[in-house]
Amino acid sequence: MTSTRVYRRLFSYIAPFKGLFALAFLATLLFALTDTFSIIMLVPFLNVIFQGDAGESVLPQASLPGELGVLLNRTVGQFVTPDMPADQALARVTGLIIVVFLIKNLFDYLQSVLVVKLEQN
């Protein structure tokens, strides 16, 4: 059997569950994105802890490769300002990390439930 025939045969088994498969795939994709973002959010957290003050050092746009610095400035930068005291910046960044981890774990749970349901069917 050629590989395309094998894949076609496998997809014929999934065909009745296209919607469930799409939801499981979406949940997996969103989990991967939030998991990556949760790790990226540790950068401003560690900057506040080790540098002791807020400001531009909290959101190091130039020190992160590519678009990661821009992403941090557009997300965490909405909650942390350059003139903010270090303790307030730390509290806000910590709260954001907790929210992102909760969302990430929600997508992980959803993905697990949907994949198990798909496997059972």
PDB file of N, CA and C in Angstrom:
ATOM      1  N   MET A   1       0.829  -1.195   0.000  1.00  0.00           N
ATOM      2  CA  MET A   1       0.000   0.000   0.000  1.00  0.00           C
ATOM      3  C   MET A   1       0.861   1.241   0.000  1.00  0.00           C
ATOM      4  N   THR A   2       0.492   2.195  -0.793  1.00  0.00           N
ATOM      5  CA  THR A   2       1.228   3.454  -0.790  1.00  0.00           C
ATOM      6  C   THR A   2       0.803   4.284   0.419  1.00  0.00           C
ATOM      7  N   SER A   3       1.620   5.251   0.743  1.00  0.00           N
ATOM      8  CA  SER A   3       1.330   6.049   1.936  1.00  0.00           C
ATOM      9  C   SER A   3       0.054   6.873   1.765  1.00  0.00           C
ATOM     10  N   THR A   4      -0.233   7.347   0.566  1.00  0.00           N
ATOM     11  CA  THR A   4      -1.457   8.126   0.379  1.00  0.00           C
ATOM     12  C   THR A   4      -2.701   7.257   0.580  1.00  0.00           C
ATOM     13  N   ARG A   5      -2.620   6.013   0.190  1.00  0.00           N
ATOM     14  CA  ARG A   5      -3.764   5.116   0.409  1.00  0.00           C
ATOM     15  C   ARG A   5      -3.962   4.843   1.899  1.00  0.00           C
ATOM     16  N   VAL A   6      -2.864   4.720   2.607  1.00  0.00           N
ATOM     17  CA  VAL A   6      -2.953   4.495   4.048  1.00  0.00           C
ATOM     18  C   VAL A   6      -3.592   5.704   4.730  1.00  0.00           C
ATOM     19  N   TYR A   7      -3.134   6.904   4.366  1.00  0.00           N
ATOM     20  CA  TYR A   7      -3.698   8.113   4.957  1.00  0.00           C
ATOM     21  C   TYR A   7      -5.164   8.278   4.599  1.00  0.00           C
ATOM     22  N   ARG A   8      -5.507   7.990   3.367  1.00  0.00           N
ATOM     23  CA  ARG A   8      -6.904   8.082   2.953  1.00  0.00           C
ATOM     24  C   ARG A   8      -7.762   7.116   3.766  1.00  0.00           C
ATOM     25  N   ARG A   9      -7.238   5.936   3.987  1.00  0.00           N
ATOM     26  CA  ARG A   9      -7.983   4.942   4.772  1.00  0.00           C
ATOM     27  C   ARG A   9      -8.138   5.408   6.226  1.00  0.00           C
ATOM     28  N   LEU A  10      -7.067   5.948   6.791  1.00  0.00           N
ATOM     29  CA  LEU A  10      -7.143   6.451   8.170  1.00  0.00           C
ATOM     30  C   LEU A  10      -8.118   7.613   8.286  1.00  0.00           C
ATOM     31  N   PHE A  11      -8.077   8.533   7.331  1.00  0.00           N
ATOM     32  CA  PHE A  11      -8.989   9.672   7.381  1.00  0.00           C
ATOM     33  C   PHE A  11     -10.439   9.263   7.166  1.00  0.00           C
ATOM     34  N   SER A  12     -10.670   8.144   6.513  1.00  0.00           N
ATOM     35  CA  SER A  12     -12.052   7.675   6.365  1.00  0.00           C
ATOM     36  C   SER A  12     -12.642   7.269   7.711  1.00  0.00           C
ATOM     37  N   TYR A  13     -11.781   6.832   8.634  1.00  0.00           N
ATOM     38  CA  TYR A  13     -12.261   6.499   9.981  1.00  0.00           C
ATOM     39  C   TYR A  13     -12.565   7.750  10.800  1.00  0.00           C
ATOM     40  N   ILE A  14     -11.845   8.811  10.521  1.00  0.00           N
ATOM     41  CA  ILE A  14     -12.028  10.063  11.264  1.00  0.00           C
ATOM     42  C   ILE A  14     -13.191  10.879  10.699  1.00  0.00           C
ATOM     43  N   ALA A  15     -13.549  10.660   9.445  1.00  0.00           N
ATOM     44  CA  ALA A  15     -14.559  11.473   8.753  1.00  0.00           C
ATOM     45  C   ALA A  15     -15.852  11.688   9.542  1.00  0.00           C
ATOM     46  N   PRO A  16     -16.405  10.666  10.204  1.00  0.00           N
ATOM     47  CA  PRO A  16     -17.637  10.927  10.959  1.00  0.00           C
ATOM     48  C   PRO A  16     -17.441  11.853  12.161  1.00  0.00           C
ATOM     49  N   PHE A  17     -16.197  12.064  12.539  1.00  0.00           N
ATOM     50  CA  PHE A  17     -15.905  12.871  13.726  1.00  0.00           C
ATOM     51  C   PHE A  17     -15.099  14.117  13.364  1.00  0.00           C
ATOM     52  N   LYS A  18     -15.384  14.691  12.197  1.00  0.00           N
ATOM     53  CA  LYS A  18     -14.635  15.862  11.725  1.00  0.00           C
ATOM     54  C   LYS A  18     -14.712  17.026  12.708  1.00  0.00           C
ATOM     55  N   GLY A  19     -15.897  17.288  13.222  1.00  0.00           N
ATOM     56  CA  GLY A  19     -16.064  18.403  14.154  1.00  0.00           C
ATOM     57  C   GLY A  19     -15.272  18.210  15.430  1.00  0.00           C
ATOM     58  N   LEU A  20     -15.332  17.004  15.971  1.00  0.00           N
ATOM     59  CA  LEU A  20     -14.589  16.691  17.189  1.00  0.00           C
ATOM     60  C   LEU A  20     -13.083  16.766  16.934  1.00  0.00           C
ATOM     61  N   PHE A  21     -12.663  16.279  15.781  1.00  0.00           N
ATOM     62  CA  PHE A  21     -11.254  16.341  15.409  1.00  0.00           C
ATOM     63  C   PHE A  21     -10.793  17.791  15.285  1.00  0.00           C
ATOM     64  N   ALA A  22     -11.607  18.633  14.673  1.00  0.00           N
ATOM     65  CA  ALA A  22     -11.261  20.049  14.515  1.00  0.00           C
ATOM     66  C   ALA A  22     -11.167  20.748  15.872  1.00  0.00           C
ATOM     67  N   LEU A  23     -12.095  20.445  16.777  1.00  0.00           N
ATOM     68  CA  LEU A  23     -12.040  21.046  18.117  1.00  0.00           C
ATOM     69  C   LEU A  23     -10.806  20.587  18.881  1.00  0.00           C
ATOM     70  N   ALA A  24     -10.484  19.304  18.779  1.00  0.00           N
ATOM     71  CA  ALA A  24      -9.298  18.775  19.458  1.00  0.00           C
ATOM     72  C   ALA A  24      -8.034  19.417  18.897  1.00  0.00           C
ATOM     73  N   PHE A  25      -7.992  19.585  17.581  1.00  0.00           N
ATOM     74  CA  PHE A  25      -6.835  20.224  16.954  1.00  0.00           C
ATOM     75  C   PHE A  25      -6.724  21.680  17.400  1.00  0.00           C
ATOM     76  N   LEU A  26      -7.840  22.397  17.439  1.00  0.00           N
ATOM     77  CA  LEU A  26      -7.840  23.795  17.868  1.00  0.00           C
ATOM     78  C   LEU A  26      -7.400  23.927  19.326  1.00  0.00           C
ATOM     79  N   ALA A  27      -7.906  23.056  20.182  1.00  0.00           N
ATOM     80  CA  ALA A  27      -7.518  23.098  21.593  1.00  0.00           C
ATOM     81  C   ALA A  27      -6.026  22.809  21.750  1.00  0.00           C
ATOM     82  N   THR A  28      -5.510  21.873  20.961  1.00  0.00           N
ATOM     83  CA  THR A  28      -4.084  21.563  21.012  1.00  0.00           C
ATOM     84  C   THR A  28      -3.256  22.749  20.536  1.00  0.00           C
ATOM     85  N   LEU A  29      -3.694  23.393  19.477  1.00  0.00           N
ATOM     86  CA  LEU A  29      -2.988  24.566  18.957  1.00  0.00           C
ATOM     87  C   LEU A  29      -2.993  25.705  19.976  1.00  0.00           C
ATOM     88  N   LEU A  30      -4.154  25.974  20.583  1.00  0.00           N
ATOM     89  CA  LEU A  30      -4.236  27.046  21.578  1.00  0.00           C
ATOM     90  C   LEU A  30      -3.421  26.724  22.821  1.00  0.00           C
ATOM     91  N   PHE A  31      -3.374  25.451  23.200  1.00  0.00           N
ATOM     92  CA  PHE A  31      -2.529  25.053  24.328  1.00  0.00           C
ATOM     93  C   PHE A  31      -1.064  25.321  24.008  1.00  0.00           C
ATOM     94  N   ALA A  32      -0.626  24.967  22.804  1.00  0.00           N
ATOM     95  CA  ALA A  32       0.770  25.182  22.429  1.00  0.00           C
ATOM     96  C   ALA A  32       1.111  26.673  22.418  1.00  0.00           C
ATOM     97  N   LEU A  33       0.206  27.500  21.911  1.00  0.00           N
ATOM     98  CA  LEU A  33       0.454  28.944  21.880  1.00  0.00           C
ATOM     99  C   LEU A  33       0.527  29.546  23.277  1.00  0.00           C
ATOM    100  N   THR A  34      -0.417  29.174  24.149  1.00  0.00           N
ATOM    101  CA  THR A  34      -0.398  29.728  25.506  1.00  0.00           C
ATOM    102  C   THR A  34       0.763  29.168  26.325  1.00  0.00           C
ATOM    103  N   ASP A  35       1.173  27.946  26.030  1.00  0.00           N
ATOM    104  CA  ASP A  35       2.336  27.376  26.715  1.00  0.00           C
ATOM    105  C   ASP A  35       3.592  28.159  26.355  1.00  0.00           C
ATOM    106  N   THR A  36       3.743  28.475  25.086  1.00  0.00           N
ATOM    107  CA  THR A  36       4.882  29.276  24.642  1.00  0.00           C
ATOM    108  C   THR A  36       4.833  30.674  25.245  1.00  0.00           C
ATOM    109  N   PHE A  37       3.650  31.281  25.247  1.00  0.00           N
ATOM    110  CA  PHE A  37       3.515  32.626  25.789  1.00  0.00           C
ATOM    111  C   PHE A  37       3.784  32.652  27.293  1.00  0.00           C
ATOM    112  N   SER A  38       3.405  31.597  28.004  1.00  0.00           N
ATOM    113  CA  SER A  38       3.655  31.568  29.448  1.00  0.00           C
ATOM    114  C   SER A  38       5.150  31.554  29.748  1.00  0.00           C
ATOM    115  N   ILE A  39       5.924  30.915  28.897  1.00  0.00           N
ATOM    116  CA  ILE A  39       7.379  30.908  29.089  1.00  0.00           C
ATOM    117  C   ILE A  39       7.963  32.274  28.741  1.00  0.00           C
ATOM    118  N   ILE A  40       7.461  32.887  27.682  1.00  0.00           N
ATOM    119  CA  ILE A  40       7.939  34.211  27.278  1.00  0.00           C
ATOM    120  C   ILE A  40       7.645  35.242  28.362  1.00  0.00           C
ATOM    121  N   MET A  41       6.526  35.080  29.071  1.00  0.00           N
ATOM    122  CA  MET A  41       6.151  36.048  30.106  1.00  0.00           C
ATOM    123  C   MET A  41       7.071  36.006  31.315  1.00  0.00           C
ATOM    124  N   LEU A  42       7.895  35.000  31.421  1.00  0.00           N
ATOM    125  CA  LEU A  42       8.839  34.952  32.538  1.00  0.00           C
ATOM    126  C   LEU A  42       9.947  35.995  32.396  1.00  0.00           C
ATOM    127  N   VAL A  43      10.182  36.486  31.183  1.00  0.00           N
ATOM    128  CA  VAL A  43      11.240  37.481  30.959  1.00  0.00           C
ATOM    129  C   VAL A  43      10.990  38.756  31.761  1.00  0.00           C
ATOM    130  N   PRO A  44       9.806  39.404  31.637  1.00  0.00           N
ATOM    131  CA  PRO A  44       9.622  40.616  32.448  1.00  0.00           C
ATOM    132  C   PRO A  44       9.578  40.326  33.940  1.00  0.00           C
ATOM    133  N   PHE A  45       9.080  39.161  34.325  1.00  0.00           N
ATOM    134  CA  PHE A  45       9.040  38.776  35.734  1.00  0.00           C
ATOM    135  C   PHE A  45      10.457  38.720  36.297  1.00  0.00           C
ATOM    136  N   LEU A  46      11.342  38.044  35.580  1.00  0.00           N
ATOM    137  CA  LEU A  46      12.721  37.931  36.045  1.00  0.00           C
ATOM    138  C   LEU A  46      13.444  39.276  35.997  1.00  0.00           C
ATOM    139  N   ASN A  47      13.111  40.114  35.028  1.00  0.00           N
ATOM    140  CA  ASN A  47      13.727  41.444  34.965  1.00  0.00           C
ATOM    141  C   ASN A  47      13.347  42.291  36.176  1.00  0.00           C
ATOM    142  N   VAL A  48      12.092  42.232  36.593  1.00  0.00           N
ATOM    143  CA  VAL A  48      11.675  43.007  37.767  1.00  0.00           C
ATOM    144  C   VAL A  48      12.379  42.489  39.011  1.00  0.00           C
ATOM    145  N   ILE A  49      12.467  41.164  39.139  1.00  0.00           N
ATOM    146  CA  ILE A  49      13.091  40.587  40.331  1.00  0.00           C
ATOM    147  C   ILE A  49      14.585  40.928  40.412  1.00  0.00           C
ATOM    148  N   PHE A  50      15.305  40.729  39.315  1.00  0.00           N
ATOM    149  CA  PHE A  50      16.757  40.875  39.368  1.00  0.00           C
ATOM    150  C   PHE A  50      17.250  42.299  39.153  1.00  0.00           C
ATOM    151  N   GLN A  51      16.461  43.148  38.533  1.00  0.00           N
ATOM    152  CA  GLN A  51      16.912  44.515  38.329  1.00  0.00           C
ATOM    153  C   GLN A  51      16.303  45.473  39.333  1.00  0.00           C
ATOM    154  N   GLY A  52      15.230  45.058  39.993  1.00  0.00           N
ATOM    155  CA  GLY A  52      14.708  45.819  41.105  1.00  0.00           C
ATOM    156  C   GLY A  52      13.871  47.027  40.774  1.00  0.00           C
ATOM    157  N   ASP A  53      13.778  47.423  39.519  1.00  0.00           N
ATOM    158  CA  ASP A  53      12.931  48.558  39.187  1.00  0.00           C
ATOM    159  C   ASP A  53      12.202  48.281  37.890  1.00  0.00           C
ATOM    160  N   ALA A  54      11.102  48.999  37.730  1.00  0.00           N
ATOM    161  CA  ALA A  54      10.336  48.842  36.494  1.00  0.00           C
ATOM    162  C   ALA A  54      10.952  49.741  35.437  1.00  0.00           C
ATOM    163  N   GLY A  55      10.242  49.910  34.378  1.00  0.00           N
ATOM    164  CA  GLY A  55      10.745  50.761  33.318  1.00  0.00           C
ATOM    165  C   GLY A  55      10.988  49.968  32.057  1.00  0.00           C
ATOM    166  N   GLU A  56      11.838  50.524  31.213  1.00  0.00           N
ATOM    167  CA  GLU A  56      12.096  49.859  29.943  1.00  0.00           C
ATOM    168  C   GLU A  56      12.778  48.521  30.139  1.00  0.00           C
ATOM    169  N   SER A  57      13.482  48.342  31.246  1.00  0.00           N
ATOM    170  CA  SER A  57      14.167  47.076  31.492  1.00  0.00           C
ATOM    171  C   SER A  57      13.180  45.938  31.767  1.00  0.00           C
ATOM    172  N   VAL A  58      11.955  46.259  32.148  1.00  0.00           N
ATOM    173  CA  VAL A  58      10.957  45.219  32.416  1.00  0.00           C
ATOM    174  C   VAL A  58      10.517  44.548  31.127  1.00  0.00           C
ATOM    175  N   LEU A  59      10.405  45.319  30.075  1.00  0.00           N
ATOM    176  CA  LEU A  59       9.959  44.802  28.782  1.00  0.00           C
ATOM    177  C   LEU A  59      11.058  45.023  27.744  1.00  0.00           C
ATOM    178  N   PRO A  60      12.011  44.126  27.711  1.00  0.00           N
ATOM    179  CA  PRO A  60      13.187  44.346  26.861  1.00  0.00           C
ATOM    180  C   PRO A  60      12.910  44.015  25.404  1.00  0.00           C
ATOM    181  N   GLN A  61      12.329  44.944  24.688  1.00  0.00           N
ATOM    182  CA  GLN A  61      11.978  44.698  23.292  1.00  0.00           C
ATOM    183  C   GLN A  61      13.215  44.364  22.460  1.00  0.00           C
ATOM    184  N   ALA A  62      14.284  45.057  22.679  1.00  0.00           N
ATOM    185  CA  ALA A  62      15.466  44.852  21.854  1.00  0.00           C
ATOM    186  C   ALA A  62      16.200  43.558  22.193  1.00  0.00           C
ATOM    187  N   SER A  63      16.071  43.069  23.429  1.00  0.00           N
ATOM    188  CA  SER A  63      16.848  41.901  23.818  1.00  0.00           C
ATOM    189  C   SER A  63      16.208  40.577  23.410  1.00  0.00           C
ATOM    190  N   LEU A  64      14.968  40.595  22.965  1.00  0.00           N
ATOM    191  CA  LEU A  64      14.315  39.369  22.522  1.00  0.00           C
ATOM    192  C   LEU A  64      14.336  39.287  20.997  1.00  0.00           C
ATOM    193  N   PRO A  65      14.577  38.109  20.459  1.00  0.00           N
ATOM    194  CA  PRO A  65      14.682  37.983  19.007  1.00  0.00           C
ATOM    195  C   PRO A  65      13.340  38.144  18.302  1.00  0.00           C
ATOM    196  N   GLY A  66      13.385  38.742  17.136  1.00  0.00           N
ATOM    197  CA  GLY A  66      12.207  38.829  16.273  1.00  0.00           C
ATOM    198  C   GLY A  66      11.053  39.582  16.894  1.00  0.00           C
ATOM    199  N   GLU A  67       9.891  38.979  16.778  1.00  0.00           N
ATOM    200  CA  GLU A  67       8.652  39.615  17.207  1.00  0.00           C
ATOM    201  C   GLU A  67       8.314  39.360  18.674  1.00  0.00           C
ATOM    202  N   LEU A  68       9.145  38.617  19.386  1.00  0.00           N
ATOM    203  CA  LEU A  68       8.825  38.298  20.782  1.00  0.00           C
ATOM    204  C   LEU A  68       8.805  39.549  21.657  1.00  0.00           C
ATOM    205  N   GLY A  69       9.746  40.443  21.429  1.00  0.00           N
ATOM    206  CA  GLY A  69       9.760  41.691  22.192  1.00  0.00           C
ATOM    207  C   GLY A  69       8.545  42.545  21.912  1.00  0.00           C
ATOM    208  N   VAL A  70       8.135  42.589  20.666  1.00  0.00           N
ATOM    209  CA  VAL A  70       6.938  43.349  20.292  1.00  0.00           C
ATOM    210  C   VAL A  70       5.705  42.729  20.944  1.00  0.00           C
ATOM    211  N   LEU A  71       5.633  41.395  20.942  1.00  0.00           N
ATOM    212  CA  LEU A  71       4.519  40.700  21.583  1.00  0.00           C
ATOM    213  C   LEU A  71       4.450  41.028  23.068  1.00  0.00           C
ATOM    214  N   LEU A  72       5.586  41.013  23.747  1.00  0.00           N
ATOM    215  CA  LEU A  72       5.606  41.361  25.168  1.00  0.00           C
ATOM    216  C   LEU A  72       5.166  42.800  25.403  1.00  0.00           C
ATOM    217  N   ASN A  73       5.647  43.702  24.579  1.00  0.00           N
ATOM    218  CA  ASN A  73       5.272  45.104  24.754  1.00  0.00           C
ATOM    219  C   ASN A  73       3.793  45.343  24.499  1.00  0.00           C
ATOM    220  N   ARG A  74       3.200  44.589  23.599  1.00  0.00           N
ATOM    221  CA  ARG A  74       1.775  44.776  23.294  1.00  0.00           C
ATOM    222  C   ARG A  74       0.862  44.047  24.267  1.00  0.00           C
ATOM    223  N   THR A  75       1.380  43.112  25.025  1.00  0.00           N
ATOM    224  CA  THR A  75       0.547  42.394  25.995  1.00  0.00           C
ATOM    225  C   THR A  75       0.875  42.849  27.410  1.00  0.00           C
ATOM    226  N   VAL A  76       2.030  42.502  27.897  1.00  0.00           N
ATOM    227  CA  VAL A  76       2.428  42.874  29.255  1.00  0.00           C
ATOM    228  C   VAL A  76       2.617  44.384  29.353  1.00  0.00           C
ATOM    229  N   GLY A  77       3.057  45.002  28.268  1.00  0.00           N
ATOM    230  CA  GLY A  77       3.266  46.450  28.256  1.00  0.00           C
ATOM    231  C   GLY A  77       2.000  47.250  28.492  1.00  0.00           C
ATOM    232  N   GLN A  78       0.847  46.644  28.300  1.00  0.00           N
ATOM    233  CA  GLN A  78      -0.420  47.326  28.579  1.00  0.00           C
ATOM    234  C   GLN A  78      -0.674  47.444  30.086  1.00  0.00           C
ATOM    235  N   PHE A  79      -0.010  46.603  30.871  1.00  0.00           N
ATOM    236  CA  PHE A  79      -0.246  46.571  32.319  1.00  0.00           C
ATOM    237  C   PHE A  79       0.919  47.099  33.134  1.00  0.00           C
ATOM    238  N   VAL A  80       2.102  47.192  32.537  1.00  0.00           N
ATOM    239  CA  VAL A  80       3.293  47.663  33.241  1.00  0.00           C
ATOM    240  C   VAL A  80       3.820  48.881  32.512  1.00  0.00           C
ATOM    241  N   THR A  81       3.939  49.990  33.224  1.00  0.00           N
ATOM    242  CA  THR A  81       4.427  51.229  32.620  1.00  0.00           C
ATOM    243  C   THR A  81       5.849  51.526  33.103  1.00  0.00           C
ATOM    244  N   PRO A  82       6.608  52.340  32.372  1.00  0.00           N
ATOM    245  CA  PRO A  82       7.987  52.628  32.768  1.00  0.00           C
ATOM    246  C   PRO A  82       8.133  53.341  34.107  1.00  0.00           C
ATOM    247  N   ASP A  83       7.127  54.114  34.524  1.00  0.00           N
ATOM    248  CA  ASP A  83       7.252  54.858  35.782  1.00  0.00           C
ATOM    249  C   ASP A  83       6.662  54.113  36.977  1.00  0.00           C
ATOM    250  N   MET A  84       6.303  52.859  36.801  1.00  0.00           N
ATOM    251  CA  MET A  84       5.668  52.066  37.852  1.00  0.00           C
ATOM    252  C   MET A  84       6.713  51.567  38.866  1.00  0.00           C
ATOM    253  N   PRO A  85       6.398  51.613  40.177  1.00  0.00           N
ATOM    254  CA  PRO A  85       7.314  51.056  41.174  1.00  0.00           C
ATOM    255  C   PRO A  85       7.499  49.554  40.969  1.00  0.00           C
ATOM    256  N   ALA A  86       8.649  49.049  41.396  1.00  0.00           N
ATOM    257  CA  ALA A  86       8.997  47.642  41.160  1.00  0.00           C
ATOM    258  C   ALA A  86       8.003  46.679  41.802  1.00  0.00           C
ATOM    259  N   ASP A  87       7.530  46.996  43.019  1.00  0.00           N
ATOM    260  CA  ASP A  87       6.603  46.072  43.679  1.00  0.00           C
ATOM    261  C   ASP A  87       5.263  46.006  42.954  1.00  0.00           C
ATOM    262  N   GLN A  88       4.810  47.125  42.426  1.00  0.00           N
ATOM    263  CA  GLN A  88       3.559  47.133  41.669  1.00  0.00           C
ATOM    264  C   GLN A  88       3.735  46.406  40.331  1.00  0.00           C
ATOM    265  N   ALA A  89       4.865  46.616  39.668  1.00  0.00           N
ATOM    266  CA  ALA A  89       5.142  45.926  38.409  1.00  0.00           C
ATOM    267  C   ALA A  89       5.226  44.418  38.636  1.00  0.00           C
ATOM    268  N   LEU A  90       5.869  44.023  39.726  1.00  0.00           N
ATOM    269  CA  LEU A  90       5.984  42.599  40.049  1.00  0.00           C
ATOM    270  C   LEU A  90       4.612  41.988  40.307  1.00  0.00           C
ATOM    271  N   ALA A  91       3.755  42.692  41.025  1.00  0.00           N
ATOM    272  CA  ALA A  91       2.411  42.182  41.304  1.00  0.00           C
ATOM    273  C   ALA A  91       1.604  42.032  40.016  1.00  0.00           C
ATOM    274  N   ARG A  92       1.702  43.006  39.139  1.00  0.00           N
ATOM    275  CA  ARG A  92       0.940  42.923  37.885  1.00  0.00           C
ATOM    276  C   ARG A  92       1.451  41.807  36.972  1.00  0.00           C
ATOM    277  N   VAL A  93       2.771  41.693  36.846  1.00  0.00           N
ATOM    278  CA  VAL A  93       3.336  40.636  35.997  1.00  0.00           C
ATOM    279  C   VAL A  93       3.004  39.268  36.576  1.00  0.00           C
ATOM    280  N   THR A  94       3.063  39.135  37.884  1.00  0.00           N
ATOM    281  CA  THR A  94       2.722  37.864  38.526  1.00  0.00           C
ATOM    282  C   THR A  94       1.253  37.514  38.286  1.00  0.00           C
ATOM    283  N   GLY A  95       0.374  38.485  38.408  1.00  0.00           N
ATOM    284  CA  GLY A  95      -1.046  38.243  38.129  1.00  0.00           C
ATOM    285  C   GLY A  95      -1.279  37.811  36.688  1.00  0.00           C
ATOM    286  N   LEU A  96      -0.581  38.456  35.754  1.00  0.00           N
ATOM    287  CA  LEU A  96      -0.710  38.069  34.349  1.00  0.00           C
ATOM    288  C   LEU A  96      -0.205  36.651  34.109  1.00  0.00           C
ATOM    289  N   ILE A  97       0.890  36.297  34.744  1.00  0.00           N
ATOM    290  CA  ILE A  97       1.417  34.934  34.598  1.00  0.00           C
ATOM    291  C   ILE A  97       0.409  33.921  35.117  1.00  0.00           C
ATOM    292  N   ILE A  98      -0.218  34.212  36.240  1.00  0.00           N
ATOM    293  CA  ILE A  98      -1.224  33.296  36.798  1.00  0.00           C
ATOM    294  C   ILE A  98      -2.403  33.145  35.847  1.00  0.00           C
ATOM    295  N   VAL A  99      -2.871  34.249  35.275  1.00  0.00           N
ATOM    296  CA  VAL A  99      -3.996  34.192  34.326  1.00  0.00           C
ATOM    297  C   VAL A  99      -3.618  33.373  33.092  1.00  0.00           C
ATOM    298  N   VAL A 100      -2.420  33.606  32.561  1.00  0.00           N
ATOM    299  CA  VAL A 100      -1.990  32.865  31.368  1.00  0.00           C
ATOM    300  C   VAL A 100      -1.862  31.374  31.688  1.00  0.00           C
ATOM    301  N   PHE A 101      -1.345  31.029  32.852  1.00  0.00           N
ATOM    302  CA  PHE A 101      -1.238  29.617  33.233  1.00  0.00           C
ATOM    303  C   PHE A 101      -2.616  28.984  33.407  1.00  0.00           C
ATOM    304  N   LEU A 102      -3.569  29.726  33.952  1.00  0.00           N
ATOM    305  CA  LEU A 102      -4.929  29.187  34.076  1.00  0.00           C
ATOM    306  C   LEU A 102      -5.552  28.921  32.704  1.00  0.00           C
ATOM    307  N   ILE A 103      -5.379  29.859  31.786  1.00  0.00           N
ATOM    308  CA  ILE A 103      -5.907  29.677  30.430  1.00  0.00           C
ATOM    309  C   ILE A 103      -5.208  28.511  29.740  1.00  0.00           C
ATOM    310  N   LYS A 104      -3.901  28.424  29.919  1.00  0.00           N
ATOM    311  CA  LYS A 104      -3.130  27.327  29.326  1.00  0.00           C
ATOM    312  C   LYS A 104      -3.617  25.981  29.847  1.00  0.00           C
ATOM    313  N   ASN A 105      -3.842  25.891  31.135  1.00  0.00           N
ATOM    314  CA  ASN A 105      -4.306  24.636  31.713  1.00  0.00           C
ATOM    315  C   ASN A 105      -5.739  24.309  31.302  1.00  0.00           C
ATOM    316  N   LEU A 106      -6.554  25.314  31.074  1.00  0.00           N
ATOM    317  CA  LEU A 106      -7.898  25.076  30.553  1.00  0.00           C
ATOM    318  C   LEU A 106      -7.832  24.445  29.163  1.00  0.00           C
ATOM    319  N   PHE A 107      -6.970  24.990  28.299  1.00  0.00           N
ATOM    320  CA  PHE A 107      -6.808  24.411  26.960  1.00  0.00           C
ATOM    321  C   PHE A 107      -6.204  23.007  27.031  1.00  0.00           C
ATOM    322  N   ASP A 108      -5.307  22.776  27.987  1.00  0.00           N
ATOM    323  CA  ASP A 108      -4.734  21.435  28.155  1.00  0.00           C
ATOM    324  C   ASP A 108      -5.814  20.437  28.556  1.00  0.00           C
ATOM    325  N   TYR A 109      -6.663  20.828  29.478  1.00  0.00           N
ATOM    326  CA  TYR A 109      -7.758  19.957  29.904  1.00  0.00           C
ATOM    327  C   TYR A 109      -8.725  19.682  28.747  1.00  0.00           C
ATOM    328  N   LEU A 110      -9.112  20.754  28.047  1.00  0.00           N
ATOM    329  CA  LEU A 110     -10.005  20.597  26.896  1.00  0.00           C
ATOM    330  C   LEU A 110      -9.412  19.673  25.847  1.00  0.00           C
ATOM    331  N   GLN A 111      -8.151  19.878  25.551  1.00  0.00           N
ATOM    332  CA  GLN A 111      -7.470  19.055  24.561  1.00  0.00           C
ATOM    333  C   GLN A 111      -7.442  17.601  25.002  1.00  0.00           C
ATOM    334  N   SER A 112      -7.168  17.343  26.258  1.00  0.00           N
ATOM    335  CA  SER A 112      -7.126  15.975  26.772  1.00  0.00           C
ATOM    336  C   SER A 112      -8.490  15.305  26.673  1.00  0.00           C
ATOM    337  N   VAL A 113      -9.520  16.018  27.081  1.00  0.00           N
ATOM    338  CA  VAL A 113     -10.875  15.454  27.043  1.00  0.00           C
ATOM    339  C   VAL A 113     -11.303  15.172  25.606  1.00  0.00           C
ATOM    340  N   LEU A 114     -11.053  16.110  24.705  1.00  0.00           N
ATOM    341  CA  LEU A 114     -11.470  15.939  23.318  1.00  0.00           C
ATOM    342  C   LEU A 114     -10.697  14.829  22.625  1.00  0.00           C
ATOM    343  N   VAL A 115      -9.405  14.730  22.881  1.00  0.00           N
ATOM    344  CA  VAL A 115      -8.606  13.676  22.248  1.00  0.00           C
ATOM    345  C   VAL A 115      -9.015  12.304  22.772  1.00  0.00           C
ATOM    346  N   VAL A 116      -9.286  12.187  24.063  1.00  0.00           N
ATOM    347  CA  VAL A 116      -9.734  10.909  24.609  1.00  0.00           C
ATOM    348  C   VAL A 116     -11.088  10.537  24.036  1.00  0.00           C
ATOM    349  N   LYS A 117     -11.983  11.509  23.913  1.00  0.00           N
ATOM    350  CA  LYS A 117     -13.296  11.225  23.326  1.00  0.00           C
ATOM    351  C   LYS A 117     -13.154  10.785  21.868  1.00  0.00           C
ATOM    352  N   LEU A 118     -12.262  11.422  21.154  1.00  0.00           N
ATOM    353  CA  LEU A 118     -12.007  11.041  19.762  1.00  0.00           C
ATOM    354  C   LEU A 118     -11.416   9.640  19.693  1.00  0.00           C
ATOM    355  N   GLU A 119     -10.496   9.330  20.582  1.00  0.00           N
ATOM    356  CA  GLU A 119      -9.900   7.993  20.604  1.00  0.00           C
ATOM    357  C   GLU A 119     -10.955   6.935  20.942  1.00  0.00           C
ATOM    358  N   GLN A 120     -11.839   7.243  21.864  1.00  0.00           N
ATOM    359  CA  GLN A 120     -12.862   6.279  22.260  1.00  0.00           C
ATOM    360  C   GLN A 120     -13.853   6.003  21.119  1.00  0.00           C
ATOM    361  N   ASN A 121     -14.159   7.035  20.356  1.00  0.00           N
ATOM    362  CA  ASN A 121     -15.080   6.851  19.241  1.00  0.00           C
ATOM    363  C   ASN A 121     -14.409   6.120  18.114  1.00  0.00           C
TER     364      ASN A 121
END
